Amino acid sequence: MAKTASGSRIAFTYVHKDFLDGRAMNGWGKGYKDFVTNKIWIFGMEPEAWPNFLKEYGWKVIEDLGYDELAEKYVKPTGRILASTPIERMIYAEKL
């Protein structure tokens, strides 16, 4: 992605690192067992770390939203309901 054209945009979800480390279960022990113990989710990062991490690769964070914020801003206007967890977030970034 370092060679992506300037102005390109990307959106992706991520999981909080403290959940993957088992430090903050957020009432989701079953999810931990299903996704972490079974090695489905293996990488996580805290929200405050993303801007500097992406900047090293020439990207700038435009939005970093939790699922409640995401649902309110983008899903609710469509009339749909989105199930969410407190450990997932979404990044929207632009290549500089």
Protein backbone atom coordinates (compact mmCIF):
# COMPACT_ATOMS: atom_id res chain seq x y z
CA MET A 1 0.00 0.00 0.00
CA ALA A 2 3.01 2.31 0.28
CA LYS A 3 3.01 2.65 -3.54
CA THR A 4 -0.70 3.49 -3.81
CA ALA A 5 -1.51 6.68 -5.75
CA SER A 6 -1.97 9.90 -3.79
CA GLY A 7 -5.63 10.61 -3.08
CA SER A 8 -6.55 6.91 -2.88
CA ARG A 9 -8.76 5.97 0.04
CA ILE A 10 -9.18 2.84 2.13
CA ALA A 11 -11.58 1.68 4.80
CA PHE A 12 -10.93 -1.22 7.16
CA THR A 13 -11.98 -2.53 10.53
CA TYR A 14 -9.72 -3.42 13.41
CA VAL A 15 -9.87 -4.87 16.91
CA HIS A 16 -8.62 -3.22 20.09
CA LYS A 17 -5.23 -4.62 21.12
CA ASP A 18 -6.22 -4.78 24.79
CA PHE A 19 -9.01 -7.20 23.84
CA LEU A 20 -6.61 -9.45 21.92
CA ASP A 21 -4.22 -9.36 24.88
CA GLY A 22 -7.07 -10.39 27.21
CA ARG A 23 -6.79 -7.16 29.24
CA ALA A 24 -10.24 -5.75 28.34
CA MET A 25 -12.90 -8.34 27.62
CA ASN A 26 -15.75 -5.80 27.50
CA GLY A 27 -18.21 -8.51 28.51
CA TRP A 28 -17.43 -10.52 25.40
CA GLY A 29 -15.72 -13.66 26.71
CA LYS A 30 -17.44 -15.81 24.09
CA GLY A 31 -16.10 -13.58 21.33
CA TYR A 32 -12.62 -13.84 22.81
CA LYS A 33 -12.84 -17.63 22.74
CA ASP A 34 -14.32 -17.71 19.23
CA PHE A 35 -12.06 -15.15 17.56
CA VAL A 36 -8.85 -14.84 19.59
CA THR A 37 -8.30 -18.28 21.06
CA ASN A 38 -9.06 -19.81 17.66
CA LYS A 39 -6.55 -17.39 16.01
CA ILE A 40 -9.06 -15.69 13.70
CA TRP A 41 -8.09 -12.25 15.04
CA ILE A 42 -4.32 -12.03 15.52
CA PHE A 43 -3.55 -8.31 15.17
CA GLY A 44 -4.98 -5.34 17.01
CA MET A 45 -4.08 -1.76 17.76
CA GLU A 46 -5.35 0.96 20.05
CA PRO A 47 -7.14 3.88 18.32
CA GLU A 48 -4.55 6.47 19.33
CA ALA A 49 -1.76 4.48 17.62
CA TRP A 50 -3.25 4.43 14.10
CA PRO A 51 -2.45 7.99 12.93
CA ASN A 52 1.30 7.60 13.47
CA PHE A 53 1.34 4.01 12.21
CA LEU A 54 -0.40 4.94 8.94
CA LYS A 55 1.63 8.14 8.56
CA GLU A 56 4.79 6.02 8.28
CA TYR A 57 3.28 4.54 5.10
CA GLY A 58 2.05 7.85 3.69
CA TRP A 59 -1.57 7.61 4.85
CA LYS A 60 -3.72 10.02 6.90
CA VAL A 61 -6.67 8.95 9.08
CA ILE A 62 -9.86 10.74 8.02
CA GLU A 63 -12.16 8.94 10.47
CA ASP A 64 -11.76 6.35 13.21
CA LEU A 65 -15.18 5.25 14.39
CA GLY A 66 -16.54 2.77 16.87
CA TYR A 67 -19.43 0.65 15.63
CA ASP A 68 -22.01 2.68 17.55
CA GLU A 69 -20.77 5.86 15.84
CA LEU A 70 -20.58 4.05 12.51
CA ALA A 71 -24.13 2.76 12.84
CA GLU A 72 -25.49 6.17 13.84
CA LYS A 73 -23.75 8.01 10.99
CA TYR A 74 -23.96 5.54 8.10
CA VAL A 75 -26.37 2.69 8.88
CA LYS A 76 -29.26 4.33 10.75
CA PRO A 77 -30.11 6.64 7.80
CA THR A 78 -30.69 3.53 5.66
CA GLY A 79 -33.22 2.14 8.15
CA ARG A 80 -31.06 -0.92 8.87
CA ILE A 81 -29.90 -2.13 12.29
CA LEU A 82 -26.24 -3.07 12.84
CA ALA A 83 -25.15 -5.40 15.60
CA SER A 84 -21.91 -4.17 17.12
CA THR A 85 -19.25 -4.96 19.66
CA PRO A 86 -17.25 -2.46 21.72
CA ILE A 87 -13.93 -3.97 20.61
CA GLU A 88 -14.16 -3.28 16.86
CA ARG A 89 -13.58 0.04 15.11
CA MET A 90 -13.38 1.29 11.52
CA ILE A 91 -10.66 3.43 9.92
CA TYR A 92 -11.16 5.54 6.82
CA ALA A 93 -7.85 6.88 5.50
CA GLU A 94 -6.40 8.74 2.51
CA LYS A 95 -3.04 8.32 0.80
CA LEU A 96 -1.04 11.55 0.94
